[in-house]
Amino acid sequence: LYIVGKIKTRSYVDKDGNNKYITEILADTFLVLDKKQVTPTSADTGKTGFTEKESSGPDLNEPPAGYQPTNEDDLRF
């Protein structure tokens, strides 16, 4: 698995006074890699042993279905 993007962490206090933590992974690039058979020729050439596999997942350039941007001024914390 190869992911390029950002990790966003935030915290808040819920209505019962408990601390809650959220970690989000905001992926710009998402690739599924297959392990390649290592042979003496590929090991000698400095190849990584992994090849890129095309993802059959959703288009990462489009927001997920039902996504609604949040106005940060409306957040309670």
C-alpha atoms as a PDB file:
ATOM      1  CA  LEU A   1       0.000   0.000   0.000  1.00  0.00           C
ATOM      2  CA  TYR A   2       1.364   3.410  -1.002  1.00  0.00           C
ATOM      3  CA  ILE A   3      -0.382   6.579   0.204  1.00  0.00           C
ATOM      4  CA  VAL A   4       0.663  10.197  -0.320  1.00  0.00           C
ATOM      5  CA  GLY A   5      -1.231  12.866   1.568  1.00  0.00           C
ATOM      6  CA  LYS A   6      -1.714  14.373   4.984  1.00  0.00           C
ATOM      7  CA  ILE A   7      -2.639  13.101   8.435  1.00  0.00           C
ATOM      8  CA  LYS A   8      -4.889  15.452  10.370  1.00  0.00           C
ATOM      9  CA  THR A   9      -5.425  14.954  14.112  1.00  0.00           C
ATOM     10  CA  ARG A  10      -7.862  16.896  16.238  1.00  0.00           C
ATOM     11  CA  SER A  11      -9.543  16.597  19.602  1.00  0.00           C
ATOM     12  CA  TYR A  12     -12.638  17.888  21.330  1.00  0.00           C
ATOM     13  CA  VAL A  13     -14.642  17.463  24.532  1.00  0.00           C
ATOM     14  CA  ASP A  14     -18.048  15.827  24.041  1.00  0.00           C
ATOM     15  CA  LYS A  15     -21.254  16.863  25.817  1.00  0.00           C
ATOM     16  CA  ASP A  16     -20.458  14.490  28.730  1.00  0.00           C
ATOM     17  CA  GLY A  17     -17.027  16.073  29.290  1.00  0.00           C
ATOM     18  CA  ASN A  18     -15.034  13.207  27.728  1.00  0.00           C
ATOM     19  CA  ASN A  19     -11.985  13.950  25.576  1.00  0.00           C
ATOM     20  CA  LYS A  20     -12.402  12.590  22.036  1.00  0.00           C
ATOM     21  CA  TYR A  21      -9.690  12.317  19.402  1.00  0.00           C
ATOM     22  CA  ILE A  22     -10.054  12.087  15.628  1.00  0.00           C
ATOM     23  CA  THR A  23      -7.331  11.145  13.137  1.00  0.00           C
ATOM     24  CA  GLU A  24      -8.073  11.579   9.443  1.00  0.00           C
ATOM     25  CA  ILE A  25      -5.968  10.468   6.487  1.00  0.00           C
ATOM     26  CA  LEU A  26      -6.416  12.864   3.577  1.00  0.00           C
ATOM     27  CA  ALA A  27      -5.030  10.886   0.625  1.00  0.00           C
ATOM     28  CA  ASP A  28      -3.802  12.639  -2.509  1.00  0.00           C
ATOM     29  CA  THR A  29      -2.479   9.398  -4.066  1.00  0.00           C
ATOM     30  CA  PHE A  30      -3.490   5.837  -3.203  1.00  0.00           C
ATOM     31  CA  LEU A  31      -1.808   2.832  -4.842  1.00  0.00           C
ATOM     32  CA  VAL A  32      -2.047  -0.884  -4.107  1.00  0.00           C
ATOM     33  CA  LEU A  33       1.338  -2.522  -4.677  1.00  0.00           C
ATOM     34  CA  ASP A  34       1.971  -6.180  -5.517  1.00  0.00           C
ATOM     35  CA  LYS A  35       5.069  -7.958  -4.310  1.00  0.00           C
ATOM     36  CA  LYS A  36       7.271  -8.946  -7.210  1.00  0.00           C
ATOM     37  CA  GLN A  37       9.350 -12.134  -7.323  1.00  0.00           C
ATOM     38  CA  VAL A  38      12.931 -11.149  -6.533  1.00  0.00           C
ATOM     39  CA  THR A  39      15.445 -12.515  -9.004  1.00  0.00           C
ATOM     40  CA  PRO A  40      19.189 -11.918  -9.023  1.00  0.00           C
ATOM     41  CA  THR A  41      18.837  -9.609 -12.035  1.00  0.00           C
ATOM     42  CA  SER A  42      16.164  -7.397 -10.445  1.00  0.00           C
ATOM     43  CA  ALA A  43      17.981  -7.329  -7.081  1.00  0.00           C
ATOM     44  CA  ASP A  44      21.224  -6.287  -8.778  1.00  0.00           C
ATOM     45  CA  THR A  45      19.561  -3.419 -10.658  1.00  0.00           C
ATOM     46  CA  GLY A  46      18.329  -1.727  -7.467  1.00  0.00           C
ATOM     47  CA  LYS A  47      14.615  -2.266  -8.085  1.00  0.00           C
ATOM     48  CA  THR A  48      12.370  -2.100  -5.040  1.00  0.00           C
ATOM     49  CA  GLY A  49      10.610  -5.435  -5.559  1.00  0.00           C
ATOM     50  CA  PHE A  50       7.191  -3.799  -5.807  1.00  0.00           C
ATOM     51  CA  THR A  51       5.103  -2.916  -8.825  1.00  0.00           C
ATOM     52  CA  GLU A  52       2.223  -0.482  -9.095  1.00  0.00           C
ATOM     53  CA  LYS A  53      -1.231  -2.057  -9.356  1.00  0.00           C
ATOM     54  CA  GLU A  54      -4.116   0.003 -10.668  1.00  0.00           C
ATOM     55  CA  SER A  55      -6.719   0.635  -7.982  1.00  0.00           C
ATOM     56  CA  SER A  56     -10.293  -0.375  -8.702  1.00  0.00           C
ATOM     57  CA  GLY A  57     -11.506   1.895  -5.880  1.00  0.00           C
ATOM     58  CA  PRO A  58     -13.280   5.232  -6.164  1.00  0.00           C
ATOM     59  CA  ASP A  59     -11.800   8.232  -7.950  1.00  0.00           C
ATOM     60  CA  LEU A  60      -9.767   9.998  -5.253  1.00  0.00           C
ATOM     61  CA  ASN A  61     -10.081  13.338  -7.037  1.00  0.00           C
ATOM     62  CA  GLU A  62     -13.827  13.378  -6.349  1.00  0.00           C
ATOM     63  CA  PRO A  63     -15.251  13.894  -2.839  1.00  0.00           C
ATOM     64  CA  PRO A  64     -17.061  10.865  -1.375  1.00  0.00           C
ATOM     65  CA  ALA A  65     -20.817  10.570  -1.842  1.00  0.00           C
ATOM     66  CA  GLY A  66     -22.679  12.633   0.728  1.00  0.00           C
ATOM     67  CA  TYR A  67     -19.646  14.807   1.530  1.00  0.00           C
ATOM     68  CA  GLN A  68     -20.501  18.270   2.780  1.00  0.00           C
ATOM     69  CA  PRO A  69     -17.677  20.716   3.509  1.00  0.00           C
ATOM     70  CA  THR A  70     -17.569  22.069   7.062  1.00  0.00           C
ATOM     71  CA  ASN A  71     -17.310  25.756   7.800  1.00  0.00           C
ATOM     72  CA  GLU A  72     -14.676  25.939  10.552  1.00  0.00           C
ATOM     73  CA  ASP A  73     -16.423  28.994  12.047  1.00  0.00           C
ATOM     74  CA  ASP A  74     -19.390  26.725  12.894  1.00  0.00           C
ATOM     75  CA  LEU A  75     -17.304  24.289  14.999  1.00  0.00           C
ATOM     76  CA  ARG A  76     -17.988  24.353  18.740  1.00  0.00           C
ATOM     77  CA  PHE A  77     -14.365  23.960  19.804  1.00  0.00           C
END
